[in-house]
PDB file of N, CA and C in Angstrom:
ATOM      1  N   MET A   1      10.089 -17.363  72.540  1.00  0.00           N
ATOM      2  CA  MET A   1      10.694 -17.730  71.285  1.00  0.00           C
ATOM      3  C   MET A   1      11.537 -18.986  71.501  1.00  0.00           C
ATOM      4  N   SER A   2      11.397 -19.931  70.611  1.00  0.00           N
ATOM      5  CA  SER A   2      12.127 -21.187  70.715  1.00  0.00           C
ATOM      6  C   SER A   2      13.631 -20.933  70.679  1.00  0.00           C
ATOM      7  N   ASN A   3      14.363 -21.722  71.433  1.00  0.00           N
ATOM      8  CA  ASN A   3      15.787 -21.486  71.573  1.00  0.00           C
ATOM      9  C   ASN A   3      16.641 -22.393  70.706  1.00  0.00           C
ATOM     10  N   ASP A   4      16.136 -23.566  70.293  1.00  0.00           N
ATOM     11  CA  ASP A   4      16.960 -24.551  69.599  1.00  0.00           C
ATOM     12  C   ASP A   4      17.535 -24.015  68.290  1.00  0.00           C
ATOM     13  N   LEU A   5      16.680 -23.609  67.378  1.00  0.00           N
ATOM     14  CA  LEU A   5      17.156 -23.120  66.093  1.00  0.00           C
ATOM     15  C   LEU A   5      17.898 -21.795  66.235  1.00  0.00           C
ATOM     16  N   SER A   6      17.373 -20.912  67.061  1.00  0.00           N
ATOM     17  CA  SER A   6      18.036 -19.623  67.265  1.00  0.00           C
ATOM     18  C   SER A   6      19.430 -19.803  67.829  1.00  0.00           C
ATOM     19  N   SER A   7      19.612 -20.779  68.710  1.00  0.00           N
ATOM     20  CA  SER A   7      20.948 -21.003  69.271  1.00  0.00           C
ATOM     21  C   SER A   7      21.908 -21.484  68.192  1.00  0.00           C
ATOM     22  N   GLN A   8      21.429 -22.325  67.268  1.00  0.00           N
ATOM     23  CA  GLN A   8      22.276 -22.786  66.157  1.00  0.00           C
ATOM     24  C   GLN A   8      22.683 -21.617  65.271  1.00  0.00           C
ATOM     25  N   ILE A   9      21.712 -20.794  64.933  1.00  0.00           N
ATOM     26  CA  ILE A   9      21.995 -19.654  64.063  1.00  0.00           C
ATOM     27  C   ILE A   9      22.910 -18.657  64.770  1.00  0.00           C
ATOM     28  N   LEU A  10      22.673 -18.431  66.048  1.00  0.00           N
ATOM     29  CA  LEU A  10      23.520 -17.522  66.824  1.00  0.00           C
ATOM     30  C   LEU A  10      24.966 -18.011  66.809  1.00  0.00           C
ATOM     31  N   LYS A  11      25.173 -19.305  67.003  1.00  0.00           N
ATOM     32  CA  LYS A  11      26.523 -19.880  66.965  1.00  0.00           C
ATOM     33  C   LYS A  11      27.149 -19.702  65.581  1.00  0.00           C
ATOM     34  N   GLN A  12      26.372 -19.961  64.529  1.00  0.00           N
ATOM     35  CA  GLN A  12      26.884 -19.813  63.159  1.00  0.00           C
ATOM     36  C   GLN A  12      27.314 -18.374  62.890  1.00  0.00           C
ATOM     37  N   GLU A  13      26.464 -17.430  63.281  1.00  0.00           N
ATOM     38  CA  GLU A  13      26.778 -16.025  63.038  1.00  0.00           C
ATOM     39  C   GLU A  13      27.985 -15.572  63.846  1.00  0.00           C
ATOM     40  N   MET A  14      28.110 -16.082  65.062  1.00  0.00           N
ATOM     41  CA  MET A  14      29.282 -15.749  65.885  1.00  0.00           C
ATOM     42  C   MET A  14      30.547 -16.281  65.230  1.00  0.00           C
ATOM     43  N   ASN A  15      30.481 -17.513  64.710  1.00  0.00           N
ATOM     44  CA  ASN A  15      31.650 -18.086  64.037  1.00  0.00           C
ATOM     45  C   ASN A  15      32.020 -17.280  62.792  1.00  0.00           C
ATOM     46  N   LYS A  16      31.014 -16.898  62.002  1.00  0.00           N
ATOM     47  CA  LYS A  16      31.270 -16.100  60.795  1.00  0.00           C
ATOM     48  C   LYS A  16      31.909 -14.765  61.148  1.00  0.00           C
ATOM     49  N   SER A  17      31.457 -14.181  62.242  1.00  0.00           N
ATOM     50  CA  SER A  17      31.945 -12.863  62.656  1.00  0.00           C
ATOM     51  C   SER A  17      33.190 -12.936  63.530  1.00  0.00           C
ATOM     52  N   ASN A  18      33.562 -14.162  63.911  1.00  0.00           N
ATOM     53  CA  ASN A  18      34.724 -14.365  64.776  1.00  0.00           C
ATOM     54  C   ASN A  18      34.601 -13.520  66.050  1.00  0.00           C
ATOM     55  N   ILE A  19      33.463 -13.637  66.722  1.00  0.00           N
ATOM     56  CA  ILE A  19      33.202 -12.862  67.932  1.00  0.00           C
ATOM     57  C   ILE A  19      32.992 -13.821  69.107  1.00  0.00           C
ATOM     58  N   THR A  20      33.494 -13.435  70.258  1.00  0.00           N
ATOM     59  CA  THR A  20      33.340 -14.267  71.451  1.00  0.00           C
ATOM     60  C   THR A  20      31.994 -13.976  72.120  1.00  0.00           C
ATOM     61  N   ILE A  21      31.621 -14.844  73.037  1.00  0.00           N
ATOM     62  CA  ILE A  21      30.390 -14.647  73.796  1.00  0.00           C
ATOM     63  C   ILE A  21      30.470 -13.357  74.593  1.00  0.00           C
ATOM     64  N   GLU A  22      31.611 -13.109  75.175  1.00  0.00           N
ATOM     65  CA  GLU A  22      31.799 -11.898  75.970  1.00  0.00           C
ATOM     66  C   GLU A  22      31.656 -10.642  75.106  1.00  0.00           C
ATOM     67  N   GLN A  23      32.253 -10.676  73.914  1.00  0.00           N
ATOM     68  CA  GLN A  23      32.153  -9.529  73.007  1.00  0.00           C
ATOM     69  C   GLN A  23      30.709  -9.314  72.558  1.00  0.00           C
ATOM     70  N   LEU A  24      30.015 -10.412  72.246  1.00  0.00           N
ATOM     71  CA  LEU A  24      28.621 -10.306  71.815  1.00  0.00           C
ATOM     72  C   LEU A  24      27.756  -9.706  72.915  1.00  0.00           C
ATOM     73  N   SER A  25      27.985 -10.120  74.134  1.00  0.00           N
ATOM     74  CA  SER A  25      27.247  -9.568  75.264  1.00  0.00           C
ATOM     75  C   SER A  25      27.487  -8.071  75.383  1.00  0.00           C
ATOM     76  N   LYS A  26      28.732  -7.678  75.234  1.00  0.00           N
ATOM     77  CA  LYS A  26      29.086  -6.265  75.377  1.00  0.00           C
ATOM     78  C   LYS A  26      28.476  -5.405  74.274  1.00  0.00           C
ATOM     79  N   VAL A  27      28.584  -5.838  73.026  1.00  0.00           N
ATOM     80  CA  VAL A  27      28.100  -4.999  71.919  1.00  0.00           C
ATOM     81  C   VAL A  27      26.577  -4.954  71.829  1.00  0.00           C
ATOM     82  N   THR A  28      25.912  -6.008  72.293  1.00  0.00           N
ATOM     83  CA  THR A  28      24.443  -6.020  72.229  1.00  0.00           C
ATOM     84  C   THR A  28      23.811  -5.489  73.507  1.00  0.00           C
ATOM     85  N   GLY A  29      24.590  -5.479  74.597  1.00  0.00           N
ATOM     86  CA  GLY A  29      24.031  -5.055  75.877  1.00  0.00           C
ATOM     87  C   GLY A  29      23.191  -6.138  76.546  1.00  0.00           C
ATOM     88  N   ILE A  30      23.277  -7.355  76.030  1.00  0.00           N
ATOM     89  CA  ILE A  30      22.544  -8.480  76.613  1.00  0.00           C
ATOM     90  C   ILE A  30      23.438  -9.152  77.638  1.00  0.00           C
ATOM     91  N   ASP A  31      22.891  -9.379  78.822  1.00  0.00           N
ATOM     92  CA  ASP A  31      23.626  -9.963  79.936  1.00  0.00           C
ATOM     93  C   ASP A  31      24.380 -11.220  79.503  1.00  0.00           C
ATOM     94  N   LEU A  32      25.633 -11.331  79.917  1.00  0.00           N
ATOM     95  CA  LEU A  32      26.490 -12.453  79.550  1.00  0.00           C
ATOM     96  C   LEU A  32      25.850 -13.799  79.892  1.00  0.00           C
ATOM     97  N   GLU A  33      25.254 -13.888  81.064  1.00  0.00           N
ATOM     98  CA  GLU A  33      24.616 -15.138  81.484  1.00  0.00           C
ATOM     99  C   GLU A  33      23.481 -15.526  80.530  1.00  0.00           C
ATOM    100  N   LYS A  34      22.732 -14.533  80.073  1.00  0.00           N
ATOM    101  CA  LYS A  34      21.647 -14.804  79.125  1.00  0.00           C
ATOM    102  C   LYS A  34      22.192 -15.293  77.788  1.00  0.00           C
ATOM    103  N   VAL A  35      23.275 -14.684  77.314  1.00  0.00           N
ATOM    104  CA  VAL A  35      23.855 -15.103  76.039  1.00  0.00           C
ATOM    105  C   VAL A  35      24.292 -16.563  76.134  1.00  0.00           C
ATOM    106  N   TYR A  36      24.925 -16.928  77.242  1.00  0.00           N
ATOM    107  CA  TYR A  36      25.311 -18.332  77.444  1.00  0.00           C
ATOM    108  C   TYR A  36      24.073 -19.240  77.377  1.00  0.00           C
ATOM    109  N   LYS A  37      22.999 -18.837  78.019  1.00  0.00           N
ATOM    110  CA  LYS A  37      21.772 -19.645  78.010  1.00  0.00           C
ATOM    111  C   LYS A  37      21.204 -19.776  76.605  1.00  0.00           C
ATOM    112  N   TYR A  38      21.211 -18.684  75.854  1.00  0.00           N
ATOM    113  CA  TYR A  38      20.652 -18.704  74.502  1.00  0.00           C
ATOM    114  C   TYR A  38      21.475 -19.557  73.550  1.00  0.00           C
ATOM    115  N   LEU A  39      22.743 -19.745  73.861  1.00  0.00           N
ATOM    116  CA  LEU A  39      23.599 -20.589  73.029  1.00  0.00           C
ATOM    117  C   LEU A  39      23.438 -22.074  73.342  1.00  0.00           C
ATOM    118  N   ASP A  40      22.780 -22.385  74.443  1.00  0.00           N
ATOM    119  CA  ASP A  40      22.552 -23.776  74.840  1.00  0.00           C
ATOM    120  C   ASP A  40      21.191 -24.226  74.308  1.00  0.00           C
ATOM    121  N   PRO A  41      21.159 -25.117  73.300  1.00  0.00           N
ATOM    122  CA  PRO A  41      19.877 -25.536  72.718  1.00  0.00           C
ATOM    123  C   PRO A  41      18.983 -26.293  73.696  1.00  0.00           C
ATOM    124  N   ASN A  42      19.560 -26.792  74.789  1.00  0.00           N
ATOM    125  CA  ASN A  42      18.771 -27.535  75.776  1.00  0.00           C
ATOM    126  C   ASN A  42      18.200 -26.643  76.874  1.00  0.00           C
ATOM    127  N   ASP A  43      18.649 -25.396  76.912  1.00  0.00           N
ATOM    128  CA  ASP A  43      18.149 -24.460  77.914  1.00  0.00           C
ATOM    129  C   ASP A  43      16.770 -23.980  77.488  1.00  0.00           C
ATOM    130  N   THR A  44      15.869 -23.855  78.415  1.00  0.00           N
ATOM    131  CA  THR A  44      14.501 -23.453  78.095  1.00  0.00           C
ATOM    132  C   THR A  44      14.254 -21.958  78.282  1.00  0.00           C
ATOM    133  N   SER A  45      15.314 -21.200  78.516  1.00  0.00           N
ATOM    134  CA  SER A  45      15.158 -19.753  78.678  1.00  0.00           C
ATOM    135  C   SER A  45      14.561 -19.151  77.408  1.00  0.00           C
ATOM    136  N   GLU A  46      13.596 -18.274  77.588  1.00  0.00           N
ATOM    137  CA  GLU A  46      12.943 -17.638  76.455  1.00  0.00           C
ATOM    138  C   GLU A  46      13.608 -16.306  76.131  1.00  0.00           C
ATOM    139  N   MET A  47      14.017 -16.164  74.891  1.00  0.00           N
ATOM    140  CA  MET A  47      14.611 -14.923  74.423  1.00  0.00           C
ATOM    141  C   MET A  47      13.485 -13.931  74.138  1.00  0.00           C
ATOM    142  N   THR A  48      13.672 -12.696  74.542  1.00  0.00           N
ATOM    143  CA  THR A  48      12.663 -11.683  74.252  1.00  0.00           C
ATOM    144  C   THR A  48      12.821 -11.203  72.806  1.00  0.00           C
ATOM    145  N   MET A  49      11.785 -10.599  72.269  1.00  0.00           N
ATOM    146  CA  MET A  49      11.857 -10.041  70.915  1.00  0.00           C
ATOM    147  C   MET A  49      12.897  -8.918  70.866  1.00  0.00           C
ATOM    148  N   ARG A  50      12.990  -8.164  71.935  1.00  0.00           N
ATOM    149  CA  ARG A  50      13.975  -7.071  71.986  1.00  0.00           C
ATOM    150  C   ARG A  50      15.395  -7.628  71.880  1.00  0.00           C
ATOM    151  N   GLU A  51      15.655  -8.732  72.574  1.00  0.00           N
ATOM    152  CA  GLU A  51      16.982  -9.354  72.507  1.00  0.00           C
ATOM    153  C   GLU A  51      17.235  -9.944  71.120  1.00  0.00           C
ATOM    154  N   ALA A  52      16.225 -10.601  70.562  1.00  0.00           N
ATOM    155  CA  ALA A  52      16.361 -11.164  69.219  1.00  0.00           C
ATOM    156  C   ALA A  52      16.678 -10.056  68.213  1.00  0.00           C
ATOM    157  N   LYS A  53      16.000  -8.919  68.360  1.00  0.00           N
ATOM    158  CA  LYS A  53      16.237  -7.787  67.463  1.00  0.00           C
ATOM    159  C   LYS A  53      17.673  -7.291  67.591  1.00  0.00           C
ATOM    160  N   LYS A  54      18.196  -7.257  68.798  1.00  0.00           N
ATOM    161  CA  LYS A  54      19.578  -6.816  69.004  1.00  0.00           C
ATOM    162  C   LYS A  54      20.558  -7.751  68.298  1.00  0.00           C
ATOM    163  N   PHE A  55      20.320  -9.059  68.410  1.00  0.00           N
ATOM    164  CA  PHE A  55      21.177 -10.025  67.719  1.00  0.00           C
ATOM    165  C   PHE A  55      21.070  -9.836  66.200  1.00  0.00           C
ATOM    166  N   CYS A  56      19.845  -9.715  65.714  1.00  0.00           N
ATOM    167  CA  CYS A  56      19.624  -9.554  64.274  1.00  0.00           C
ATOM    168  C   CYS A  56      20.271  -8.281  63.748  1.00  0.00           C
ATOM    169  N   ASP A  57      20.120  -7.199  64.473  1.00  0.00           N
ATOM    170  CA  ASP A  57      20.730  -5.935  64.062  1.00  0.00           C
ATOM    171  C   ASP A  57      22.252  -6.052  64.030  1.00  0.00           C
ATOM    172  N   PHE A  58      22.816  -6.673  65.041  1.00  0.00           N
ATOM    173  CA  PHE A  58      24.271  -6.788  65.102  1.00  0.00           C
ATOM    174  C   PHE A  58      24.804  -7.633  63.943  1.00  0.00           C
ATOM    175  N   PHE A  59      24.170  -8.762  63.675  1.00  0.00           N
ATOM    176  CA  PHE A  59      24.643  -9.669  62.627  1.00  0.00           C
ATOM    177  C   PHE A  59      24.075  -9.323  61.251  1.00  0.00           C
ATOM    178  N   ASN A  60      23.206  -8.301  61.197  1.00  0.00           N
ATOM    179  CA  ASN A  60      22.561  -7.872  59.958  1.00  0.00           C
ATOM    180  C   ASN A  60      21.825  -9.039  59.284  1.00  0.00           C
ATOM    181  N   ILE A  61      20.995  -9.693  60.081  1.00  0.00           N
ATOM    182  CA  ILE A  61      20.168 -10.785  59.561  1.00  0.00           C
ATOM    183  C   ILE A  61      18.706 -10.481  59.866  1.00  0.00           C
ATOM    184  N   SER A  62      17.817 -11.085  59.101  1.00  0.00           N
ATOM    185  CA  SER A  62      16.396 -10.859  59.326  1.00  0.00           C
ATOM    186  C   SER A  62      15.910 -11.694  60.508  1.00  0.00           C
ATOM    187  N   LEU A  63      14.873 -11.210  61.146  1.00  0.00           N
ATOM    188  CA  LEU A  63      14.273 -11.965  62.247  1.00  0.00           C
ATOM    189  C   LEU A  63      13.700 -13.279  61.728  1.00  0.00           C
ATOM    190  N   ASP A  64      13.106 -13.250  60.544  1.00  0.00           N
ATOM    191  CA  ASP A  64      12.560 -14.480  59.957  1.00  0.00           C
ATOM    192  C   ASP A  64      13.644 -15.546  59.816  1.00  0.00           C
ATOM    193  N   TYR A  65      14.825 -15.141  59.400  1.00  0.00           N
ATOM    194  CA  TYR A  65      15.948 -16.065  59.295  1.00  0.00           C
ATOM    195  C   TYR A  65      16.364 -16.560  60.678  1.00  0.00           C
ATOM    196  N   PHE A  66      16.446 -15.647  61.621  1.00  0.00           N
ATOM    197  CA  PHE A  66      16.913 -15.979  62.966  1.00  0.00           C
ATOM    198  C   PHE A  66      16.006 -16.997  63.657  1.00  0.00           C
ATOM    199  N   ILE A  67      14.703 -16.893  63.438  1.00  0.00           N
ATOM    200  CA  ILE A  67      13.779 -17.821  64.109  1.00  0.00           C
ATOM    201  C   ILE A  67      13.410 -19.020  63.230  1.00  0.00           C
ATOM    202  N   GLY A  68      13.980 -19.086  62.034  1.00  0.00           N
ATOM    203  CA  GLY A  68      13.788 -20.261  61.196  1.00  0.00           C
ATOM    204  C   GLY A  68      12.588 -20.230  60.271  1.00  0.00           C
ATOM    205  N   VAL A  69      11.954 -19.081  60.103  1.00  0.00           N
ATOM    206  CA  VAL A  69      10.801 -18.972  59.215  1.00  0.00           C
ATOM    207  C   VAL A  69      11.265 -18.876  57.757  1.00  0.00           C
ATOM    208  N   SER A  70      12.461 -18.344  57.548  1.00  0.00           N
ATOM    209  CA  SER A  70      12.996 -18.158  56.199  1.00  0.00           C
ATOM    210  C   SER A  70      14.458 -18.573  56.185  1.00  0.00           C
ATOM    211  N   ASN A  71      14.922 -18.996  55.008  1.00  0.00           N
ATOM    212  CA  ASN A  71      16.350 -19.321  54.885  1.00  0.00           C
ATOM    213  C   ASN A  71      17.131 -18.161  54.266  1.00  0.00           C
ATOM    214  N   ILE A  72      16.480 -16.995  54.165  1.00  0.00           N
ATOM    215  CA  ILE A  72      17.115 -15.815  53.599  1.00  0.00           C
ATOM    216  C   ILE A  72      17.565 -14.898  54.738  1.00  0.00           C
ATOM    217  N   ARG A  73      18.862 -14.632  54.796  1.00  0.00           N
ATOM    218  CA  ARG A  73      19.437 -13.803  55.868  1.00  0.00           C
ATOM    219  C   ARG A  73      19.038 -12.341  55.739  1.00  0.00           C
ATOM    220  N   GLY A  74      18.853 -11.868  54.537  1.00  0.00           N
ATOM    221  CA  GLY A  74      18.539 -10.478  54.250  1.00  0.00           C
ATOM    222  C   GLY A  74      18.550 -10.308  52.745  1.00  0.00           C
ATOM    223  N   TRP A  75      18.770  -9.104  52.268  1.00  0.00           N
ATOM    224  CA  TRP A  75      18.830  -8.888  50.821  1.00  0.00           C
ATOM    225  C   TRP A  75      19.914  -7.877  50.514  1.00  0.00           C
ATOM    226  N   SER A  76      20.376  -7.921  49.273  1.00  0.00           N
ATOM    227  CA  SER A  76      21.316  -6.911  48.806  1.00  0.00           C
ATOM    228  C   SER A  76      21.217  -6.835  47.287  1.00  0.00           C
ATOM    229  N   PHE A  77      21.538  -5.678  46.761  1.00  0.00           N
ATOM    230  CA  PHE A  77      21.635  -5.519  45.316  1.00  0.00           C
ATOM    231  C   PHE A  77      22.612  -4.401  45.027  1.00  0.00           C
ATOM    232  N   THR A  78      23.095  -4.383  43.802  1.00  0.00           N
ATOM    233  CA  THR A  78      24.084  -3.399  43.395  1.00  0.00           C
ATOM    234  C   THR A  78      23.543  -2.618  42.205  1.00  0.00           C
ATOM    235  N   LEU A  79      23.736  -1.332  42.257  1.00  0.00           N
ATOM    236  CA  LEU A  79      23.390  -0.447  41.153  1.00  0.00           C
ATOM    237  C   LEU A  79      24.628   0.384  40.864  1.00  0.00           C
ATOM    238  N   GLY A  80      25.223   0.171  39.696  1.00  0.00           N
ATOM    239  CA  GLY A  80      26.503   0.816  39.411  1.00  0.00           C
ATOM    240  C   GLY A  80      27.541   0.299  40.382  1.00  0.00           C
ATOM    241  N   ASN A  81      28.214   1.202  41.063  1.00  0.00           N
ATOM    242  CA  ASN A  81      29.219   0.806  42.048  1.00  0.00           C
ATOM    243  C   ASN A  81      28.681   0.831  43.476  1.00  0.00           C
ATOM    244  N   GLU A  82      27.395   1.123  43.615  1.00  0.00           N
ATOM    245  CA  GLU A  82      26.786   1.238  44.937  1.00  0.00           C
ATOM    246  C   GLU A  82      26.094  -0.060  45.313  1.00  0.00           C
ATOM    247  N   LYS A  83      26.382  -0.548  46.510  1.00  0.00           N
ATOM    248  CA  LYS A  83      25.742  -1.757  47.014  1.00  0.00           C
ATOM    249  C   LYS A  83      24.776  -1.380  48.123  1.00  0.00           C
ATOM    250  N   PHE A  84      23.590  -1.933  48.061  1.00  0.00           N
ATOM    251  CA  PHE A  84      22.564  -1.700  49.059  1.00  0.00           C
ATOM    252  C   PHE A  84      22.202  -3.043  49.657  1.00  0.00           C
ATOM    253  N   GLU A  85      22.175  -3.110  51.001  1.00  0.00           N
ATOM    254  CA  GLU A  85      21.801  -4.357  51.656  1.00  0.00           C
ATOM    255  C   GLU A  85      21.057  -4.044  52.939  1.00  0.00           C
ATOM    256  N   SER A  86      20.292  -5.017  53.374  1.00  0.00           N
ATOM    257  CA  SER A  86      19.471  -4.768  54.544  1.00  0.00           C
ATOM    258  C   SER A  86      19.003  -6.078  55.148  1.00  0.00           C
ATOM    259  N   ASN A  87      18.562  -5.958  56.384  1.00  0.00           N
ATOM    260  CA  ASN A  87      17.794  -7.032  56.992  1.00  0.00           C
ATOM    261  C   ASN A  87      16.414  -6.463  57.259  1.00  0.00           C
ATOM    262  N   THR A  88      15.538  -7.242  57.798  1.00  0.00           N
ATOM    263  CA  THR A  88      14.158  -6.811  57.999  1.00  0.00           C
ATOM    264  C   THR A  88      14.057  -5.540  58.823  1.00  0.00           C
ATOM    265  N   PHE A  89      14.872  -5.402  59.860  1.00  0.00           N
ATOM    266  CA  PHE A  89      14.722  -4.286  60.783  1.00  0.00           C
ATOM    267  C   PHE A  89      15.175  -2.954  60.218  1.00  0.00           C
ATOM    268  N   ILE A  90      16.091  -2.983  59.269  1.00  0.00           N
ATOM    269  CA  ILE A  90      16.555  -1.719  58.719  1.00  0.00           C
ATOM    270  C   ILE A  90      16.134  -1.550  57.265  1.00  0.00           C
ATOM    271  N   PHE A  91      15.143  -2.295  56.846  1.00  0.00           N
ATOM    272  CA  PHE A  91      14.679  -2.268  55.470  1.00  0.00           C
ATOM    273  C   PHE A  91      14.235  -0.870  55.054  1.00  0.00           C
ATOM    274  N   GLU A  92      13.422  -0.218  55.860  1.00  0.00           N
ATOM    275  CA  GLU A  92      12.911   1.099  55.508  1.00  0.00           C
ATOM    276  C   GLU A  92      14.051   2.099  55.333  1.00  0.00           C
ATOM    277  N   ASN A  93      15.017   2.077  56.228  1.00  0.00           N
ATOM    278  CA  ASN A  93      16.162   2.974  56.143  1.00  0.00           C
ATOM    279  C   ASN A  93      16.961   2.709  54.869  1.00  0.00           C
ATOM    280  N   SER A  94      17.161   1.452  54.523  1.00  0.00           N
ATOM    281  CA  SER A  94      17.907   1.114  53.314  1.00  0.00           C
ATOM    282  C   SER A  94      17.166   1.559  52.063  1.00  0.00           C
ATOM    283  N   CYS A  95      15.855   1.421  52.065  1.00  0.00           N
ATOM    284  CA  CYS A  95      15.066   1.880  50.928  1.00  0.00           C
ATOM    285  C   CYS A  95      15.197   3.389  50.765  1.00  0.00           C
ATOM    286  N   GLN A  96      15.165   4.095  51.874  1.00  0.00           N
ATOM    287  CA  GLN A  96      15.299   5.547  51.834  1.00  0.00           C
ATOM    288  C   GLN A  96      16.675   5.936  51.284  1.00  0.00           C
ATOM    289  N   GLN A  97      17.722   5.255  51.703  1.00  0.00           N
ATOM    290  CA  GLN A  97      19.064   5.532  51.195  1.00  0.00           C
ATOM    291  C   GLN A  97      19.138   5.261  49.699  1.00  0.00           C
ATOM    292  N   PHE A  98      18.487   4.184  49.260  1.00  0.00           N
ATOM    293  CA  PHE A  98      18.483   3.837  47.849  1.00  0.00           C
ATOM    294  C   PHE A  98      17.775   4.916  47.025  1.00  0.00           C
ATOM    295  N   VAL A  99      16.633   5.378  47.504  1.00  0.00           N
ATOM    296  CA  VAL A  99      15.891   6.425  46.798  1.00  0.00           C
ATOM    297  C   VAL A  99      16.718   7.707  46.745  1.00  0.00           C
ATOM    298  N   GLU A 100      17.373   8.054  47.843  1.00  0.00           N
ATOM    299  CA  GLU A 100      18.219   9.247  47.856  1.00  0.00           C
ATOM    300  C   GLU A 100      19.358   9.122  46.843  1.00  0.00           C
ATOM    301  N   TYR A 101      19.919   7.934  46.742  1.00  0.00           N
ATOM    302  CA  TYR A 101      20.977   7.695  45.757  1.00  0.00           C
ATOM    303  C   TYR A 101      20.436   7.906  44.344  1.00  0.00           C
ATOM    304  N   LEU A 102      19.281   7.327  44.045  1.00  0.00           N
ATOM    305  CA  LEU A 102      18.676   7.483  42.724  1.00  0.00           C
ATOM    306  C   LEU A 102      18.373   8.949  42.417  1.00  0.00           C
ATOM    307  N   LYS A 103      17.870   9.663  43.432  1.00  0.00           N
ATOM    308  CA  LYS A 103      17.596  11.096  43.245  1.00  0.00           C
ATOM    309  C   LYS A 103      18.879  11.860  42.956  1.00  0.00           C
ATOM    310  N   SER A 104      19.950  11.544  43.657  1.00  0.00           N
ATOM    311  CA  SER A 104      21.215  12.261  43.464  1.00  0.00           C
ATOM    312  C   SER A 104      21.779  12.039  42.057  1.00  0.00           C
ATOM    313  N   LYS A 105      21.460  10.935  41.457  1.00  0.00           N
ATOM    314  CA  LYS A 105      21.924  10.626  40.094  1.00  0.00           C
ATOM    315  C   LYS A 105      20.890  11.034  39.047  1.00  0.00           C
ATOM    316  N   GLU A 106      19.820  11.679  39.534  1.00  0.00           N
ATOM    317  CA  GLU A 106      18.709  12.109  38.682  1.00  0.00           C
ATOM    318  C   GLU A 106      18.117  10.956  37.886  1.00  0.00           C
ATOM    319  N   LEU A 107      18.027   9.801  38.538  1.00  0.00           N
ATOM    320  CA  LEU A 107      17.442   8.620  37.919  1.00  0.00           C
ATOM    321  C   LEU A 107      15.980   8.425  38.310  1.00  0.00           C
ATOM    322  N   VAL A 108      15.546   9.191  39.293  1.00  0.00           N
ATOM    323  CA  VAL A 108      14.150   9.100  39.737  1.00  0.00           C
ATOM    324  C   VAL A 108      13.721  10.442  40.298  1.00  0.00           C
ATOM    325  N   LYS A 109      12.459  10.740  40.117  1.00  0.00           N
ATOM    326  CA  LYS A 109      11.888  11.948  40.699  1.00  0.00           C
ATOM    327  C   LYS A 109      10.881  11.493  41.743  1.00  0.00           C
ATOM    328  N   VAL A 110      10.959  12.063  42.931  1.00  0.00           N
ATOM    329  CA  VAL A 110      10.069  11.679  44.010  1.00  0.00           C
ATOM    330  C   VAL A 110       9.205  12.870  44.373  1.00  0.00           C
ATOM    331  N   GLU A 111       7.930  12.643  44.453  1.00  0.00           N
ATOM    332  CA  GLU A 111       7.005  13.690  44.840  1.00  0.00           C
ATOM    333  C   GLU A 111       6.168  13.218  46.022  1.00  0.00           C
ATOM    334  N   GLU A 112       5.901  14.140  46.927  1.00  0.00           N
ATOM    335  CA  GLU A 112       5.064  13.798  48.069  1.00  0.00           C
ATOM    336  C   GLU A 112       3.608  13.816  47.651  1.00  0.00           C
ATOM    337  N   ILE A 113       2.849  12.900  48.191  1.00  0.00           N
ATOM    338  CA  ILE A 113       1.412  12.858  47.952  1.00  0.00           C
ATOM    339  C   ILE A 113       0.730  13.328  49.228  1.00  0.00           C
ATOM    340  N   LEU A 114      -0.009  14.386  49.119  1.00  0.00           N
ATOM    341  CA  LEU A 114      -0.684  14.959  50.295  1.00  0.00           C
ATOM    342  C   LEU A 114      -2.126  14.574  50.343  1.00  0.00           C
TER     343      LEU A 114
END
């Protein structure tokens, strides 16, 4: 995976979250030395998909956004006072939570198809 754009986005997300390199390494479980390399746009180290997923999950951004395929970080919407948001990796879980919310308010009926 290319490092130039991902390193820019990683820096932006770290600044938004006010997190240090050391903290990011600790919470993601990615080796500190690797995080330093990934933040250097001139370094040719290749980030694995597993590592990219960890960054995306932590910052709640989509992989498409992280690698520069899309300019959309994720999605969110509000229904009543409830806000639902997700990135690509947790999309299915968020949809399930949304459906459960609708069911609890008796706004939708869900039936299994066998």
